[in-house]
N, C-alpha and C. Protein backbone atom coordinates (compact mmCIF):
# COMPACT_ATOMS: atom_id res chain seq x y z
N MET A 1 -27.56 3.38 -2.47
CA MET A 1 -28.04 2.31 -1.70
C MET A 1 -29.53 2.06 -1.92
N SER A 2 -30.46 2.92 -2.32
CA SER A 2 -31.72 2.53 -2.37
C SER A 2 -31.78 1.78 -3.51
N ARG A 3 -31.33 1.93 -4.50
CA ARG A 3 -31.32 1.21 -5.90
C ARG A 3 -30.91 -0.44 -5.63
N ARG A 4 -30.06 -0.49 -4.77
CA ARG A 4 -29.76 -1.83 -4.39
C ARG A 4 -30.36 -2.57 -3.13
N GLN A 5 -31.32 -1.64 -2.53
CA GLN A 5 -32.51 -2.10 -1.35
C GLN A 5 -31.53 -2.50 -0.63
N LEU A 6 -30.66 -1.28 -0.01
CA LEU A 6 -29.72 -1.78 1.47
C LEU A 6 -29.98 -0.50 2.20
N THR A 7 -29.88 -0.77 3.46
CA THR A 7 -29.72 0.04 4.50
C THR A 7 -28.28 0.41 4.83
N GLY A 8 -28.14 1.45 5.47
CA GLY A 8 -27.01 1.85 5.79
C GLY A 8 -26.17 0.95 6.54
N ALA A 9 -27.05 0.27 7.61
CA ALA A 9 -26.35 -0.70 8.77
C ALA A 9 -25.80 -1.95 7.72
N GLN A 10 -26.89 -2.10 6.82
CA GLN A 10 -26.41 -3.55 5.85
C GLN A 10 -25.07 -3.25 4.98
N LEU A 11 -25.01 -1.88 4.49
CA LEU A 11 -23.82 -1.58 3.60
C LEU A 11 -22.44 -1.55 4.44
N ALA A 12 -22.69 -1.02 5.91
CA ALA A 12 -21.59 -0.89 6.53
C ALA A 12 -21.09 -2.25 6.99
N ALA A 13 -22.18 -3.35 7.16
CA ALA A 13 -21.64 -4.85 7.45
C ALA A 13 -20.95 -5.50 6.27
N ASP A 14 -21.51 -5.13 5.10
CA ASP A 14 -20.65 -5.54 3.97
C ASP A 14 -19.34 -5.31 3.61
N VAL A 15 -19.21 -3.88 3.98
CA VAL A 15 -17.87 -3.28 3.64
C VAL A 15 -16.89 -3.44 5.00
N GLY A 16 -17.28 -3.93 5.91
CA GLY A 16 -16.31 -3.98 7.05
C GLY A 16 -16.20 -2.77 7.95
N LEU A 17 -17.17 -1.83 7.92
CA LEU A 17 -17.24 -0.44 8.48
C LEU A 17 -17.98 -0.36 9.63
N SER A 18 -17.98 0.76 10.57
CA SER A 18 -18.96 1.13 11.32
C SER A 18 -20.30 1.75 10.54
N ALA A 19 -21.45 1.87 11.02
CA ALA A 19 -22.49 2.57 10.19
C ALA A 19 -21.97 3.92 10.24
N THR A 20 -21.62 4.59 11.23
CA THR A 20 -21.32 6.01 11.26
C THR A 20 -20.28 6.42 9.96
N SER A 21 -19.20 5.54 10.08
CA SER A 21 -18.33 5.79 9.00
C SER A 21 -18.62 5.94 7.76
N VAL A 22 -19.74 4.67 7.44
CA VAL A 22 -20.22 4.45 6.04
C VAL A 22 -21.15 5.76 5.70
N SER A 23 -21.66 6.20 7.01
CA SER A 23 -22.68 7.57 6.99
C SER A 23 -21.84 8.80 6.40
N ARG A 24 -20.75 8.99 7.34
CA ARG A 24 -19.80 9.68 6.87
C ARG A 24 -19.45 10.12 5.23
N ILE A 25 -19.22 8.53 4.91
CA ILE A 25 -18.63 8.60 3.39
C ILE A 25 -19.91 8.89 2.49
N VAL A 26 -20.93 8.22 2.75
CA VAL A 26 -21.97 8.50 1.83
C VAL A 26 -22.39 9.83 1.78
N MET A 27 -22.36 10.68 2.92
CA MET A 27 -22.84 11.97 3.05
C MET A 27 -21.76 13.03 2.37
N GLY A 28 -20.74 12.68 2.08
CA GLY A 28 -19.59 13.34 1.51
C GLY A 28 -18.74 13.95 2.44
N HIS A 29 -18.65 13.56 3.82
CA HIS A 29 -18.10 14.31 4.57
C HIS A 29 -16.53 13.53 5.34
N ALA A 30 -16.46 12.44 4.59
CA ALA A 30 -15.23 11.48 4.79
C ALA A 30 -14.91 10.99 3.42
N LYS A 31 -13.53 11.09 3.11
CA LYS A 31 -13.04 10.58 1.80
C LYS A 31 -12.62 9.08 2.00
N PRO A 32 -13.11 8.11 1.42
CA PRO A 32 -13.02 6.42 1.78
C PRO A 32 -11.37 6.38 1.42
N LYS A 33 -11.01 5.27 1.91
CA LYS A 33 -9.62 4.90 1.54
C LYS A 33 -9.92 3.94 0.14
N GLN A 34 -8.72 3.73 -0.29
CA GLN A 34 -9.13 2.89 -1.58
C GLN A 34 -9.58 1.71 -1.54
N VAL A 35 -9.28 0.81 -0.33
CA VAL A 35 -9.76 -0.55 -0.34
C VAL A 35 -11.31 -0.37 0.13
N THR A 36 -11.57 0.89 0.59
CA THR A 36 -13.05 0.87 1.21
C THR A 36 -13.68 1.18 -0.21
N PHE A 37 -13.24 2.18 -0.83
CA PHE A 37 -14.08 2.33 -2.17
C PHE A 37 -14.13 1.15 -3.30
N THR A 38 -12.95 0.40 -3.07
CA THR A 38 -13.09 -0.98 -4.17
C THR A 38 -14.42 -1.67 -3.41
N ARG A 39 -14.54 -1.69 -2.21
CA ARG A 39 -15.35 -2.67 -1.67
C ARG A 39 -16.84 -1.95 -1.92
N LEU A 40 -17.11 -0.67 -1.76
CA LEU A 40 -18.14 -0.11 -2.04
C LEU A 40 -18.70 -0.40 -3.46
N MET A 41 -17.72 -0.20 -4.32
CA MET A 41 -17.97 -0.16 -6.00
C MET A 41 -18.36 -2.01 -6.17
N LYS A 42 -17.61 -2.94 -5.58
CA LYS A 42 -18.14 -4.49 -5.48
C LYS A 42 -19.64 -4.40 -5.03
N ARG A 43 -20.04 -3.75 -3.96
CA ARG A 43 -21.19 -3.88 -3.28
C ARG A 43 -22.43 -3.44 -3.84
N LEU A 44 -22.04 -2.02 -4.51
CA LEU A 44 -23.13 -1.22 -4.99
C LEU A 44 -23.38 -1.31 -6.58
N CYS A 45 -22.32 -1.94 -7.37
CA CYS A 45 -22.25 -1.56 -8.81
C CYS A 45 -22.73 -2.83 -9.40
N ALA A 46 -23.67 -2.80 -10.13
CA ALA A 46 -23.98 -4.10 -11.14
C ALA A 46 -23.50 -4.10 -12.44
N ALA A 47 -22.97 -2.78 -13.00
CA ALA A 47 -22.98 -2.72 -14.30
C ALA A 47 -21.79 -1.56 -14.31
N PRO A 48 -21.26 -1.48 -15.49
CA PRO A 48 -20.07 -0.20 -15.62
C PRO A 48 -20.87 1.12 -15.35
N ASP A 49 -21.90 1.32 -15.91
CA ASP A 49 -22.76 2.64 -15.45
C ASP A 49 -22.86 3.02 -14.24
N ASP A 50 -23.26 1.90 -13.27
CA ASP A 50 -23.17 2.30 -11.86
C ASP A 50 -21.84 2.50 -11.38
N GLU A 51 -20.60 1.89 -11.78
CA GLU A 51 -19.39 2.22 -11.35
C GLU A 51 -18.98 3.80 -11.75
N GLN A 52 -19.42 4.36 -13.02
CA GLN A 52 -19.19 5.63 -13.15
C GLN A 52 -19.90 6.52 -12.40
N MET A 53 -21.25 6.31 -12.20
CA MET A 53 -21.95 7.04 -11.29
C MET A 53 -21.37 7.20 -10.04
N LEU A 54 -21.12 6.02 -9.32
CA LEU A 54 -20.16 5.95 -8.15
C LEU A 54 -19.03 7.14 -8.10
N LEU A 55 -18.11 6.93 -9.28
CA LEU A 55 -16.76 7.69 -9.37
C LEU A 55 -17.28 9.12 -9.34
N ARG A 56 -18.13 9.47 -10.15
CA ARG A 56 -18.79 10.78 -10.35
C ARG A 56 -19.13 11.49 -8.91
N ALA A 57 -19.74 10.64 -7.94
CA ALA A 57 -20.49 11.03 -6.68
C ALA A 57 -19.12 11.40 -5.91
N PHE A 58 -18.18 10.60 -6.01
CA PHE A 58 -16.95 10.76 -4.99
C PHE A 58 -15.82 11.78 -5.29
N THR A 59 -15.75 12.07 -6.73
CA THR A 59 -14.90 12.90 -7.38
C THR A 59 -15.72 14.33 -7.75
N GLY A 60 -16.92 14.17 -7.43
CA GLY A 60 -17.72 15.70 -7.75
C GLY A 60 -17.81 16.19 -8.92
N MET A 61 -17.78 15.18 -9.91
CA MET A 61 -17.92 15.40 -11.46
C MET A 61 -19.57 15.22 -11.62
N ILE A 62 -19.92 16.08 -12.35
CA ILE A 62 -21.47 16.02 -12.77
C ILE A 62 -21.17 14.95 -14.07
N SER A 63 -20.47 14.83 -15.13
CA SER A 63 -20.51 13.84 -15.98
C SER A 63 -18.76 13.46 -16.14
N PRO A 64 -18.40 12.35 -16.65
CA PRO A 64 -17.22 12.23 -17.08
C PRO A 64 -16.33 13.06 -17.67
N ALA A 65 -15.38 12.99 -17.48
CA ALA A 65 -14.37 14.26 -18.15
C ALA A 65 -14.11 13.55 -19.76
N SER A 66 -14.18 14.53 -20.90
CA SER A 66 -14.15 13.94 -21.81
C SER A 66 -12.76 14.89 -22.56
N GLU A 67 -11.56 14.33 -22.53
CA GLU A 67 -10.50 15.11 -22.88
C GLU A 67 -9.73 14.55 -24.23
N GLU A 68 -9.77 15.71 -24.94
CA GLU A 68 -8.98 15.49 -26.23
C GLU A 68 -7.84 16.47 -26.37
N PRO A 69 -6.70 16.15 -25.91
CA PRO A 69 -5.61 16.97 -26.20
C PRO A 69 -4.91 17.34 -27.66
N LEU A 70 -4.73 18.63 -27.87
CA LEU A 70 -4.24 18.99 -28.97
C LEU A 70 -3.04 18.38 -29.19
N ALA A 71 -2.97 17.79 -30.32
CA ALA A 71 -1.55 17.30 -30.78
C ALA A 71 -0.44 18.25 -30.77
N ASP A 72 -0.81 19.35 -31.14
CA ASP A 72 0.34 20.08 -31.47
C ASP A 72 0.74 21.36 -30.50
N ASP A 73 -0.15 21.10 -29.18
CA ASP A 73 0.08 21.88 -28.01
C ASP A 73 1.44 21.35 -27.27
N PRO A 74 2.72 22.23 -27.55
CA PRO A 74 3.60 21.88 -26.75
C PRO A 74 3.81 21.50 -25.23
N ARG A 75 2.52 22.37 -24.59
CA ARG A 75 2.49 21.99 -23.02
C ARG A 75 2.41 20.72 -22.74
N ASN A 76 1.54 19.55 -23.75
CA ASN A 76 1.29 18.32 -23.58
C ASN A 76 2.67 17.46 -23.47
N THR A 77 3.56 17.80 -24.31
CA THR A 77 5.10 17.15 -24.32
C THR A 77 5.54 17.38 -23.15
N ILE A 78 5.72 18.78 -22.76
CA ILE A 78 6.54 19.10 -21.36
C ILE A 78 5.80 18.58 -20.45
N GLU A 79 4.45 18.80 -20.12
CA GLU A 79 3.93 18.25 -18.81
C GLU A 79 4.16 16.48 -18.91
N GLU A 80 3.83 15.70 -19.94
CA GLU A 80 4.02 14.33 -19.98
C GLU A 80 5.59 14.17 -19.52
N ARG A 81 6.66 14.69 -20.18
CA ARG A 81 7.80 14.57 -19.69
C ARG A 81 7.92 14.59 -18.33
N GLU A 82 7.48 15.75 -17.72
CA GLU A 82 7.51 16.10 -16.19
C GLU A 82 6.92 14.73 -15.42
N ARG A 83 5.75 14.61 -15.75
CA ARG A 83 4.91 13.23 -15.33
C ARG A 83 6.01 12.25 -15.05
N VAL A 84 6.64 11.91 -16.29
CA VAL A 84 7.52 10.72 -16.33
C VAL A 84 8.72 10.94 -15.57
N GLU A 85 9.42 11.99 -15.47
CA GLU A 85 10.50 12.43 -14.57
C GLU A 85 10.43 12.23 -13.18
N ARG A 86 9.06 12.60 -12.61
CA ARG A 86 8.61 12.49 -11.40
C ARG A 86 8.57 10.92 -11.10
N TRP A 87 8.04 10.00 -12.00
CA TRP A 87 8.02 8.73 -11.65
C TRP A 87 9.34 8.10 -11.45
N LEU A 88 10.25 8.49 -12.52
CA LEU A 88 11.38 7.97 -12.68
C LEU A 88 12.24 8.24 -11.00
N GLU A 89 12.22 9.43 -10.73
CA GLU A 89 12.75 9.91 -9.67
C GLU A 89 12.19 9.34 -8.42
N ALA A 90 11.04 9.01 -8.46
CA ALA A 90 10.32 8.14 -7.37
C ALA A 90 11.12 6.75 -7.19
N ARG A 91 11.25 6.18 -8.36
CA ARG A 91 11.72 4.79 -8.75
C ARG A 91 13.19 4.68 -8.41
N THR A 92 13.97 5.97 -8.63
CA THR A 92 15.22 6.11 -8.25
C THR A 92 15.37 6.10 -7.04
N GLN A 93 14.43 6.70 -6.15
CA GLN A 93 14.85 7.05 -4.47
C GLN A 93 14.66 5.53 -4.09
N ALA A 94 13.50 4.77 -4.44
CA ALA A 94 13.00 3.60 -3.89
C ALA A 94 14.48 2.61 -4.25
N ILE A 95 15.06 2.48 -5.24
CA ILE A 95 16.21 1.88 -5.40
C ILE A 95 17.13 2.01 -4.79
N THR A 96 17.44 3.49 -4.40
CA THR A 96 18.65 3.92 -3.65
C THR A 96 18.34 3.41 -2.22
N PHE A 97 17.26 3.58 -1.67
CA PHE A 97 16.68 3.39 -0.40
C PHE A 97 17.08 1.75 -0.18
N LYS A 98 16.56 0.93 -1.08
CA LYS A 98 16.89 -0.63 -1.06
C LYS A 98 18.30 -0.97 -1.11
N ASP A 99 19.13 -0.14 -1.96
CA ASP A 99 20.51 -0.45 -1.54
C ASP A 99 21.00 -0.14 -0.27
N ALA A 100 20.40 1.08 0.27
CA ALA A 100 20.89 1.34 1.56
C ALA A 100 20.67 0.30 2.68
N VAL A 101 19.56 -0.08 2.48
CA VAL A 101 19.28 -1.35 3.34
C VAL A 101 20.05 -2.35 3.36
N ALA A 102 20.64 -2.76 1.90
CA ALA A 102 21.52 -4.02 1.80
C ALA A 102 22.84 -4.01 2.21
N ARG A 103 23.00 -2.22 2.11
CA ARG A 103 24.66 -2.00 2.92
C ARG A 103 24.66 -2.27 4.43
N GLU A 104 23.34 -1.86 5.15
CA GLU A 104 23.23 -2.15 6.66
C GLU A 104 23.36 -3.61 6.88
N LEU A 105 22.46 -4.39 5.89
CA LEU A 105 22.56 -6.00 6.31
C LEU A 105 23.86 -6.56 6.21
N ASP A 106 24.63 -5.78 4.97
CA ASP A 106 25.92 -6.53 4.93
C ASP A 106 27.12 -5.98 5.99
N LYS A 107 26.69 -4.99 6.43
CA LYS A 107 27.61 -4.49 7.53
C LYS A 107 27.52 -5.19 8.76
N ALA A 108 26.12 -5.64 8.95
CA ALA A 108 25.81 -6.68 10.21
C ALA A 108 26.23 -7.94 10.02
N GLY A 109 26.65 -8.24 8.61
CA GLY A 109 26.80 -9.61 8.41
C GLY A 109 25.90 -10.70 8.11
N ILE A 110 24.69 -10.19 7.65
CA ILE A 110 23.50 -11.04 7.47
C ILE A 110 23.26 -11.46 6.20
N ALA A 111 23.27 -12.63 5.92
CA ALA A 111 23.31 -13.14 4.56
C ALA A 111 21.59 -13.14 4.00
N TYR A 112 21.31 -12.66 2.97
CA TYR A 112 19.92 -12.22 2.48
C TYR A 112 19.94 -12.81 0.86
N ARG A 113 18.50 -12.97 0.56
CA ARG A 113 18.38 -13.17 -0.84
C ARG A 113 17.48 -11.97 -1.57
N ARG A 114 17.88 -11.56 -2.36
CA ARG A 114 17.50 -9.93 -2.74
C ARG A 114 16.51 -10.16 -3.96
N ASP A 115 15.24 -9.32 -3.80
CA ASP A 115 14.26 -9.87 -4.64
C ASP A 115 13.55 -10.90 -4.82
N HIS A 116 13.38 -11.50 -3.71
CA HIS A 116 12.94 -13.03 -3.83
C HIS A 116 11.63 -13.38 -3.93
N CYS A 117 11.53 -14.23 -4.84
CA CYS A 117 9.85 -14.67 -5.55
C CYS A 117 9.71 -15.93 -5.14
N GLU A 118 8.41 -16.22 -4.77
CA GLU A 118 7.73 -17.55 -4.37
C GLU A 118 6.57 -17.30 -4.87
N GLY A 119 6.29 -18.17 -6.07
CA GLY A 119 4.48 -18.11 -6.70
C GLY A 119 4.07 -16.43 -6.79
N ILE A 120 3.02 -16.18 -6.31
CA ILE A 120 2.83 -14.61 -6.43
C ILE A 120 3.53 -13.61 -5.55
N ALA A 121 4.26 -14.08 -4.68
CA ALA A 121 4.62 -13.38 -3.56
C ALA A 121 6.37 -12.86 -3.77
N SER A 122 6.42 -11.52 -3.40
CA SER A 122 7.93 -11.35 -3.85
C SER A 122 8.37 -10.27 -2.44
N ALA A 123 9.41 -10.30 -2.10
CA ALA A 123 9.86 -9.58 -0.93
C ALA A 123 11.13 -8.88 -1.25
N ASP A 124 11.32 -7.92 -0.95
CA ASP A 124 12.75 -7.16 -1.24
C ASP A 124 13.85 -7.93 -0.71
N PHE A 125 13.71 -8.46 0.36
CA PHE A 125 14.84 -9.25 1.01
C PHE A 125 14.33 -10.52 1.87
N LEU A 126 14.92 -11.73 1.73
CA LEU A 126 14.48 -12.70 2.48
C LEU A 126 15.52 -13.01 3.19
N ILE A 127 15.49 -13.45 4.56
CA ILE A 127 16.74 -13.90 5.42
C ILE A 127 16.15 -15.14 6.36
N GLU A 128 17.12 -15.90 6.14
CA GLU A 128 16.96 -17.23 6.72
C GLU A 128 17.94 -17.22 7.69
N ARG A 129 17.49 -17.53 9.17
CA ARG A 129 18.59 -17.68 10.29
C ARG A 129 18.23 -19.08 11.16
N GLY A 130 18.74 -20.15 10.76
CA GLY A 130 18.72 -21.21 11.59
C GLY A 130 17.07 -21.55 11.17
N LYS A 131 16.32 -21.59 11.99
CA LYS A 131 14.85 -21.89 11.72
C LYS A 131 14.15 -20.98 11.50
N SER A 132 14.29 -19.75 11.52
CA SER A 132 13.53 -18.28 11.49
C SER A 132 13.92 -17.75 9.95
N ARG A 133 12.64 -17.44 9.33
CA ARG A 133 12.33 -17.02 8.06
C ARG A 133 11.66 -15.61 8.47
N LEU A 134 12.65 -14.36 7.84
CA LEU A 134 11.96 -12.99 7.79
C LEU A 134 12.26 -12.39 6.35
N ALA A 135 10.91 -11.85 6.22
CA ALA A 135 10.95 -10.85 4.99
C ALA A 135 11.25 -9.50 5.55
N VAL A 136 11.80 -8.76 4.34
CA VAL A 136 11.73 -7.41 4.58
C VAL A 136 11.56 -6.59 3.45
N GLU A 137 10.62 -5.85 3.76
CA GLU A 137 10.06 -4.68 2.75
C GLU A 137 10.59 -3.32 2.83
N CYS A 138 11.10 -2.78 1.78
CA CYS A 138 11.36 -1.34 1.79
C CYS A 138 10.55 -0.25 1.51
N LYS A 139 10.25 0.52 2.25
CA LYS A 139 9.47 1.72 2.00
C LYS A 139 9.54 3.02 1.87
N PHE A 140 10.54 3.36 0.81
CA PHE A 140 10.75 4.96 1.06
C PHE A 140 9.93 5.97 1.05
N ASN A 141 8.65 5.90 0.28
CA ASN A 141 7.90 6.91 0.14
C ASN A 141 6.84 7.03 1.29
N VAL A 142 6.80 7.08 2.54
CA VAL A 142 6.10 6.51 3.47
C VAL A 142 4.79 7.27 3.51
N SER A 143 4.46 8.34 2.64
CA SER A 143 3.27 9.18 2.79
C SER A 143 2.47 8.81 1.46
N ARG A 144 3.01 7.70 0.77
CA ARG A 144 1.82 7.07 -0.32
C ARG A 144 1.49 5.68 0.00
N ASP A 145 0.09 5.51 0.48
CA ASP A 145 -0.34 4.35 0.66
C ASP A 145 0.13 3.17 1.61
N PHE A 146 0.62 3.89 2.58
CA PHE A 146 1.37 3.20 3.81
C PHE A 146 0.42 1.89 4.15
N ASP A 147 -0.78 2.30 4.11
CA ASP A 147 -1.64 0.96 4.46
C ASP A 147 -1.78 -0.21 3.74
N LYS A 148 -1.46 0.04 2.41
CA LYS A 148 -1.13 -1.05 1.25
C LYS A 148 0.00 -1.68 1.62
N THR A 149 1.09 -0.79 2.11
CA THR A 149 2.65 -1.88 2.23
C THR A 149 2.04 -2.34 3.66
N VAL A 150 1.55 -2.19 4.47
CA VAL A 150 1.24 -3.11 5.77
C VAL A 150 0.25 -4.26 5.31
N GLY A 151 -0.41 -4.16 4.46
CA GLY A 151 -1.54 -5.32 3.76
C GLY A 151 -0.62 -6.11 3.26
N ILE A 152 0.61 -5.78 2.27
CA ILE A 152 1.24 -6.68 1.79
C ILE A 152 2.19 -7.40 2.65
N ALA A 153 2.67 -6.42 3.69
CA ALA A 153 3.57 -7.48 4.83
C ALA A 153 2.77 -8.31 5.56
N ARG A 154 1.70 -8.23 5.73
CA ARG A 154 0.83 -9.46 6.39
C ARG A 154 0.75 -10.51 5.57
N LEU A 155 0.30 -10.24 4.25
CA LEU A 155 0.13 -11.19 3.42
C LEU A 155 1.41 -12.11 2.95
N LEU A 156 2.50 -11.41 2.88
CA LEU A 156 4.02 -11.89 2.92
C LEU A 156 4.27 -12.96 3.90
N ARG A 157 3.87 -12.53 4.98
CA ARG A 157 4.10 -13.58 6.17
C ARG A 157 3.44 -14.89 6.08
N GLU A 158 2.44 -14.65 5.37
CA GLU A 158 1.51 -16.20 5.24
C GLU A 158 2.08 -16.77 3.93
N LEU A 159 2.09 -16.09 2.76
CA LEU A 159 2.53 -16.82 1.45
C LEU A 159 4.32 -17.15 1.64
N LEU A 160 4.93 -16.24 2.33
CA LEU A 160 6.57 -16.89 2.16
C LEU A 160 6.99 -17.71 3.67
N ARG A 161 5.63 -17.91 4.34
CA ARG A 161 5.88 -18.87 5.57
C ARG A 161 6.68 -18.16 6.52
N CYS A 162 7.01 -16.84 6.72
CA CYS A 162 7.73 -16.28 7.64
C CYS A 162 7.25 -15.94 8.92
N ASP A 163 8.46 -16.04 9.78
CA ASP A 163 8.16 -15.76 11.35
C ASP A 163 7.78 -14.45 11.55
N ARG A 164 8.41 -13.43 10.88
CA ARG A 164 8.34 -12.32 10.96
C ARG A 164 8.48 -11.30 9.48
N VAL A 165 7.86 -10.41 9.44
CA VAL A 165 8.18 -9.42 8.24
C VAL A 165 8.25 -8.11 8.79
N ILE A 166 9.43 -7.58 8.44
CA ILE A 166 9.86 -6.12 8.65
C ILE A 166 9.79 -5.34 7.59
N VAL A 167 9.18 -3.87 7.64
CA VAL A 167 8.88 -3.04 6.96
C VAL A 167 10.05 -1.88 7.22
N VAL A 168 10.88 -1.65 6.37
CA VAL A 168 11.81 -0.77 6.58
C VAL A 168 11.68 0.76 5.75
N VAL A 169 11.87 1.51 6.87
CA VAL A 169 11.42 3.13 6.28
C VAL A 169 12.52 4.14 6.54
N PRO A 170 12.53 5.20 5.72
CA PRO A 170 13.64 6.24 6.45
C PRO A 170 13.75 6.89 7.60
N PHE A 171 12.30 7.05 8.23
CA PHE A 171 12.10 7.49 9.53
C PHE A 171 10.84 6.75 9.87
N VAL A 172 10.40 6.76 11.16
CA VAL A 172 9.54 6.08 11.74
C VAL A 172 8.42 7.30 12.25
N GLY A 173 7.32 7.37 12.03
CA GLY A 173 5.95 8.25 12.30
C GLY A 173 4.92 7.57 12.65
N ALA A 174 3.85 8.53 12.69
CA ALA A 174 2.63 7.96 13.21
C ALA A 174 1.90 7.36 11.93
N PHE A 175 2.45 7.53 10.81
CA PHE A 175 1.89 6.51 9.57
C PHE A 175 2.34 4.87 10.23
N ALA A 176 3.16 4.67 10.87
CA ALA A 176 3.30 2.98 11.36
C ALA A 176 2.33 2.69 12.38
N ASP A 177 1.72 3.38 12.70
CA ASP A 177 0.38 2.90 13.89
C ASP A 177 -0.17 1.93 13.28
N ALA A 178 -0.42 2.23 12.10
CA ALA A 178 -1.39 0.99 11.22
C ALA A 178 -0.63 -0.30 11.28
N ALA A 179 0.51 -0.36 11.71
CA ALA A 179 1.34 -1.73 11.31
C ALA A 179 0.97 -2.35 12.57
N VAL A 180 0.92 -1.92 13.78
CA VAL A 180 0.86 -2.48 15.05
C VAL A 180 -0.86 -3.00 15.40
N SER A 181 -1.70 -2.46 14.65
CA SER A 181 -3.01 -2.69 14.71
C SER A 181 -3.11 -4.18 14.09
N GLY A 182 -4.52 -4.82 14.34
CA GLY A 182 -4.63 -6.04 13.99
C GLY A 182 -4.17 -6.97 14.20
N PRO A 183 -4.51 -8.40 14.01
CA PRO A 183 -4.24 -9.42 14.60
C PRO A 183 -2.51 -9.73 14.63
N GLU A 184 -1.78 -9.51 13.72
CA GLU A 184 -0.63 -9.61 13.31
C GLU A 184 0.38 -8.14 13.31
N SER A 185 1.02 -8.10 14.38
CA SER A 185 2.10 -6.90 14.63
C SER A 185 2.93 -6.91 13.25
N ILE A 186 3.31 -6.03 12.62
CA ILE A 186 4.54 -5.64 11.75
C ILE A 186 5.25 -4.86 12.46
N LEU A 187 6.61 -5.07 12.34
CA LEU A 187 7.94 -4.13 12.79
C LEU A 187 7.96 -3.34 11.72
N VAL A 188 8.20 -2.07 11.91
CA VAL A 188 8.28 -0.98 11.07
C VAL A 188 9.70 -0.18 11.62
N CYS A 189 10.71 0.04 11.09
CA CYS A 189 11.79 0.61 11.41
C CYS A 189 12.55 1.04 10.66
N THR A 190 13.81 1.66 10.99
CA THR A 190 14.82 2.42 10.27
C THR A 190 15.99 1.04 9.60
N PRO A 191 16.79 1.41 8.70
CA PRO A 191 17.36 0.11 8.42
C PRO A 191 18.51 -0.25 9.38
N SER A 192 19.13 0.66 10.32
CA SER A 192 19.98 0.40 11.03
C SER A 192 19.59 -0.60 12.07
N ASP A 193 18.13 0.01 12.62
CA ASP A 193 17.22 -0.69 13.52
C ASP A 193 16.82 -2.33 13.20
N ALA A 194 16.52 -2.40 11.65
CA ALA A 194 16.11 -3.38 11.10
C ALA A 194 17.14 -4.36 11.09
N ALA A 195 18.44 -3.90 10.93
CA ALA A 195 19.83 -4.90 11.05
C ALA A 195 19.92 -5.53 12.66
N ARG A 196 19.55 -4.56 13.21
CA ARG A 196 20.05 -4.86 14.74
C ARG A 196 18.72 -6.17 15.17
N ALA A 197 17.51 -5.77 14.85
CA ALA A 197 16.44 -6.93 15.08
C ALA A 197 16.50 -8.00 14.09
N ILE A 198 17.33 -8.13 13.21
CA ILE A 198 17.42 -9.21 12.55
C ILE A 198 18.71 -9.86 13.21
N ALA A 199 19.71 -9.40 13.36
CA ALA A 199 20.93 -10.04 14.11
C ALA A 199 20.51 -10.70 15.59
N GLU A 200 19.49 -10.24 16.19
CA GLU A 200 19.15 -10.75 17.53
C GLU A 200 18.36 -12.12 17.35
N VAL A 201 17.80 -12.26 16.17
CA VAL A 201 17.23 -13.67 15.78
C VAL A 201 18.13 -14.62 16.05
N ALA A 202 18.03 -15.80 16.84
CA ALA A 202 18.74 -16.73 17.10
C ALA A 202 18.76 -17.63 15.60
N VAL A 203 20.45 -17.94 15.62
CA VAL A 203 20.59 -18.54 14.70
C VAL A 203 20.73 -20.19 14.62
C-alpha cells in the first residue's frame, strides 16, 4: 500500500470493503474471496512484477515456484490422469443434475429452452410463461464458488431480461444466504421446489 501511497481506508473504499476487513486481509488474518483478490490486484498492481509479489504475499511463497517435472516419472502420468478423472466426474455430475432438473420440469408440464444463449448470456433453462420470463441455473457442487453462481444469476436477470432467476441445487443450506442479500433476491431451491415455484407463475 505504501508503494501506491494508499491508506487502509482508501484501499478499503476502492475495493468496496470495510477498513477492518481490508486490515484483516493485509495482516494475513483473513483470506480474501476471489473477487476481492482480483480487486486488490487491480488497485495495487501496476506491473506483472507487482502481481507476482502480491500473489506470493497471499500464498506465503518466498519466490515463485519453479517446476520442471521429470518426463520419465510415471507418477506424473498417474496424477494427471487422476486430475482429469476428477474433472470429468464433476462435469458428469453437473450434467446428470441438469437432466434431473429437466425431468422435474417435464413432470410439471413446464415448457423450456435448454442451454439458452443471448449475446454473452447463457442459462441452463429459459422459461417463458405468459409475460413472465424466468432463467434457471443448475449448481450441483454448492461448495465451490457459490458466490460466483449468485453473481451470474443476478447478471442473467439483467442480460436476459428475466423477471426472476432461480438457482437449483441438490439441497439448500447456509451457502444460500448470499442469494437473499443484496438488492435482488435470488431464489435458491431444489429441483422439485423449483418446478412448483415456476408452475405458480401466472400463464
